[in-house]
N, C-alpha and C. Protein backbone atom coordinates (compact mmCIF):
# COMPACT_ATOMS: atom_id res chain seq x y z
N MET A 1 -19.86 -41.41 11.08
CA MET A 1 -19.90 -41.92 12.36
C MET A 1 -18.77 -41.57 13.25
N TRP A 2 -17.51 -41.63 12.62
CA TRP A 2 -16.41 -41.25 13.52
C TRP A 2 -16.19 -39.78 13.68
N TRP A 3 -16.99 -38.98 12.98
CA TRP A 3 -16.86 -37.42 13.17
C TRP A 3 -17.39 -37.09 14.52
N SER A 4 -18.40 -37.68 15.02
CA SER A 4 -19.03 -37.24 16.27
C SER A 4 -18.48 -37.97 17.43
N SER A 5 -17.53 -38.88 17.31
CA SER A 5 -17.09 -39.63 18.47
C SER A 5 -15.55 -39.44 18.71
N GLY A 6 -15.11 -39.58 19.84
CA GLY A 6 -13.63 -39.56 20.05
C GLY A 6 -13.19 -38.09 20.25
N ALA A 7 -11.77 -37.97 20.19
CA ALA A 7 -11.23 -36.66 20.39
C ALA A 7 -11.35 -35.83 19.14
N CYS A 8 -11.39 -36.45 17.93
CA CYS A 8 -11.56 -35.69 16.76
C CYS A 8 -12.82 -34.88 16.68
N GLY A 9 -13.91 -35.36 17.35
CA GLY A 9 -15.19 -34.74 17.15
C GLY A 9 -15.28 -33.51 17.90
N SER A 10 -14.39 -33.18 18.87
CA SER A 10 -14.57 -32.12 19.65
C SER A 10 -13.65 -30.92 19.26
N TRP A 11 -12.52 -31.03 18.72
CA TRP A 11 -11.62 -30.06 18.29
C TRP A 11 -11.62 -29.66 16.81
N TRP A 12 -12.13 -30.57 15.99
CA TRP A 12 -12.15 -30.31 14.60
C TRP A 12 -12.85 -28.99 14.07
N PRO A 13 -14.10 -28.72 14.63
CA PRO A 13 -14.79 -27.53 14.33
C PRO A 13 -13.98 -26.23 14.81
N VAL A 14 -13.35 -26.43 15.94
CA VAL A 14 -12.60 -25.33 16.56
C VAL A 14 -11.39 -24.92 15.54
N LEU A 15 -10.75 -26.05 15.19
CA LEU A 15 -9.60 -25.86 14.31
C LEU A 15 -10.03 -25.15 12.97
N VAL A 16 -11.12 -25.65 12.36
CA VAL A 16 -11.61 -25.11 11.09
C VAL A 16 -11.98 -23.61 11.34
N GLY A 17 -12.63 -23.31 12.43
CA GLY A 17 -13.00 -21.92 12.73
C GLY A 17 -11.83 -21.06 12.86
N ILE A 18 -10.83 -21.54 13.65
CA ILE A 18 -9.64 -20.69 13.91
C ILE A 18 -8.89 -20.45 12.57
N THR A 19 -8.73 -21.45 11.72
CA THR A 19 -8.04 -21.36 10.40
C THR A 19 -8.81 -20.41 9.54
N GLY A 20 -10.11 -20.54 9.52
CA GLY A 20 -10.95 -19.57 8.59
C GLY A 20 -10.75 -18.22 9.16
N ALA A 21 -10.74 -18.00 10.52
CA ALA A 21 -10.55 -16.64 11.03
C ALA A 21 -9.18 -16.05 10.61
N LEU A 22 -8.23 -16.94 10.78
CA LEU A 22 -6.78 -16.41 10.36
C LEU A 22 -6.71 -16.05 8.96
N VAL A 23 -7.18 -16.87 8.05
CA VAL A 23 -7.27 -16.55 6.70
C VAL A 23 -7.98 -15.17 6.34
N LEU A 24 -9.14 -15.03 6.92
CA LEU A 24 -9.90 -13.81 6.84
C LEU A 24 -9.16 -12.54 7.31
N LEU A 25 -8.48 -12.73 8.48
CA LEU A 25 -7.76 -11.69 9.07
C LEU A 25 -6.59 -11.28 8.15
N GLY A 26 -5.86 -12.31 7.69
CA GLY A 26 -4.68 -12.13 6.71
C GLY A 26 -5.17 -11.38 5.44
N GLY A 27 -6.30 -11.84 4.97
CA GLY A 27 -6.89 -11.03 3.77
C GLY A 27 -7.19 -9.60 4.15
N LEU A 28 -7.79 -9.29 5.13
CA LEU A 28 -8.06 -7.91 5.51
C LEU A 28 -6.80 -7.15 5.79
N VAL A 29 -5.82 -7.66 6.37
CA VAL A 29 -4.49 -7.06 6.68
C VAL A 29 -3.94 -6.70 5.27
N ALA A 30 -3.95 -7.59 4.36
CA ALA A 30 -3.34 -7.48 2.99
C ALA A 30 -4.09 -6.33 2.28
N VAL A 31 -5.47 -6.34 2.34
CA VAL A 31 -6.18 -5.14 1.69
C VAL A 31 -5.85 -3.86 2.22
N VAL A 32 -5.76 -3.81 3.56
CA VAL A 32 -5.48 -2.43 4.15
C VAL A 32 -3.98 -2.09 3.86
N ALA A 33 -3.10 -2.97 3.84
CA ALA A 33 -1.69 -2.67 3.42
C ALA A 33 -1.61 -2.11 2.05
N VAL A 34 -2.38 -2.81 1.09
CA VAL A 34 -2.32 -2.21 -0.31
C VAL A 34 -3.02 -0.88 -0.34
N LEU A 35 -4.01 -0.54 0.33
CA LEU A 35 -4.75 0.68 0.21
C LEU A 35 -3.86 1.80 0.90
N VAL A 36 -3.20 1.46 1.96
CA VAL A 36 -2.33 2.53 2.68
C VAL A 36 -1.00 2.74 1.86
N ARG A 37 -0.45 1.67 1.24
CA ARG A 37 0.67 1.84 0.42
C ARG A 37 0.40 2.63 -0.83
N GLY A 38 -0.72 2.26 -1.40
CA GLY A 38 -1.17 2.86 -2.60
C GLY A 38 -1.61 4.39 -2.55
N SER A 39 -1.98 4.75 -1.40
CA SER A 39 -2.53 6.13 -1.17
C SER A 39 -1.52 7.14 -1.41
N GLY A 40 -0.23 6.85 -1.29
CA GLY A 40 0.84 7.87 -1.36
C GLY A 40 1.26 8.05 -2.85
N ARG A 41 0.64 7.45 -3.78
CA ARG A 41 1.05 7.47 -5.16
C ARG A 41 0.28 8.38 -6.02
N TRP A 42 0.08 9.53 -5.51
CA TRP A 42 -0.67 10.64 -6.24
C TRP A 42 0.26 11.17 -7.30
N PRO A 43 -0.13 11.61 -8.52
CA PRO A 43 0.68 12.15 -9.47
C PRO A 43 1.36 13.40 -8.89
N ALA A 44 2.66 13.50 -9.19
CA ALA A 44 3.30 14.60 -8.69
C ALA A 44 3.04 15.97 -9.42
N SER A 45 3.05 16.94 -8.69
CA SER A 45 2.70 18.34 -9.35
C SER A 45 3.85 18.79 -10.12
N PRO A 46 3.68 19.55 -11.26
CA PRO A 46 4.73 20.03 -12.07
C PRO A 46 5.86 20.82 -11.31
N ARG A 47 5.45 21.58 -10.29
CA ARG A 47 6.44 22.20 -9.48
C ARG A 47 7.30 21.25 -8.77
N ARG A 48 6.72 20.14 -8.25
CA ARG A 48 7.55 19.26 -7.54
C ARG A 48 8.56 18.45 -8.47
N VAL A 49 8.06 18.16 -9.58
CA VAL A 49 8.91 17.45 -10.60
C VAL A 49 9.99 18.30 -11.08
N LEU A 50 9.73 19.64 -11.21
CA LEU A 50 10.78 20.59 -11.52
C LEU A 50 11.75 20.72 -10.44
N ASP A 51 11.33 20.79 -9.10
CA ASP A 51 12.25 20.95 -7.97
C ASP A 51 13.07 19.61 -7.84
N GLU A 52 12.44 18.48 -8.08
CA GLU A 52 13.24 17.25 -8.00
C GLU A 52 14.32 17.21 -8.96
N ARG A 53 14.04 17.57 -10.26
CA ARG A 53 15.02 17.55 -11.39
C ARG A 53 16.15 18.55 -10.98
N TYR A 54 15.83 19.75 -10.52
CA TYR A 54 16.84 20.72 -10.03
C TYR A 54 17.72 20.04 -8.97
N ALA A 55 17.05 19.42 -8.08
CA ALA A 55 17.89 18.82 -6.77
C ALA A 55 18.88 17.68 -7.41
N ARG A 56 18.47 16.99 -8.39
CA ARG A 56 19.23 15.92 -9.02
C ARG A 56 20.40 16.54 -9.88
N GLY A 57 20.34 17.88 -10.16
CA GLY A 57 21.43 18.43 -10.99
C GLY A 57 21.09 18.39 -12.44
N GLU A 58 19.83 18.07 -12.81
CA GLU A 58 19.47 18.00 -14.35
C GLU A 58 19.35 19.33 -14.94
N MET A 59 19.30 20.36 -14.13
CA MET A 59 19.17 21.82 -14.81
C MET A 59 19.96 22.73 -13.82
N ASP A 60 20.35 23.78 -14.39
CA ASP A 60 21.12 24.81 -13.67
C ASP A 60 20.08 25.83 -13.07
N ASP A 61 20.70 26.78 -12.34
CA ASP A 61 19.80 27.80 -11.64
C ASP A 61 18.95 28.56 -12.54
N GLU A 62 19.56 29.05 -13.58
CA GLU A 62 18.76 29.94 -14.62
C GLU A 62 17.64 29.14 -15.23
N GLU A 63 17.90 27.93 -15.69
CA GLU A 63 16.76 27.21 -16.26
C GLU A 63 15.66 26.84 -15.32
N HIS A 64 16.13 26.54 -14.01
CA HIS A 64 15.16 26.21 -12.93
C HIS A 64 14.25 27.51 -12.67
N ARG A 65 14.87 28.71 -12.60
CA ARG A 65 14.09 29.86 -12.38
C ARG A 65 13.14 30.22 -13.53
N ARG A 66 13.66 30.08 -14.72
CA ARG A 66 12.81 30.33 -15.88
C ARG A 66 11.57 29.41 -15.94
N ARG A 67 11.79 28.11 -15.81
CA ARG A 67 10.69 27.19 -15.76
C ARG A 67 9.77 27.35 -14.61
N ARG A 68 10.37 27.72 -13.48
CA ARG A 68 9.47 27.97 -12.23
C ARG A 68 8.53 29.31 -12.49
N ASP A 69 9.11 30.24 -13.10
CA ASP A 69 8.38 31.46 -13.42
C ASP A 69 7.22 31.17 -14.52
N GLN A 70 7.55 30.22 -15.43
CA GLN A 70 6.55 29.88 -16.51
C GLN A 70 5.37 29.09 -15.74
N LEU A 71 5.74 28.20 -14.79
CA LEU A 71 4.70 27.55 -14.14
C LEU A 71 3.85 28.49 -13.29
N ALA A 72 4.44 29.53 -12.77
CA ALA A 72 3.61 30.44 -11.89
C ALA A 72 2.67 31.36 -12.68
N SER A 73 3.08 31.60 -13.91
CA SER A 73 2.21 32.39 -14.64
C SER A 73 1.11 31.76 -15.47
């Protein structure tokens, strides 16, 4: 009986609708963020791994050239 009368009866459905829309929008934003963030996580190519190791100083020029040539063949 009190649902349909007074001030509560007019704004309650609007509040529920807005809250539901915000929750849905937040979920969609979260899904898009996960998809966009995850899309850059492709496995690195062997050449890229080799170049990164060389850039970090884990191998010298000769070893880098030798391994690069092995990958090219």
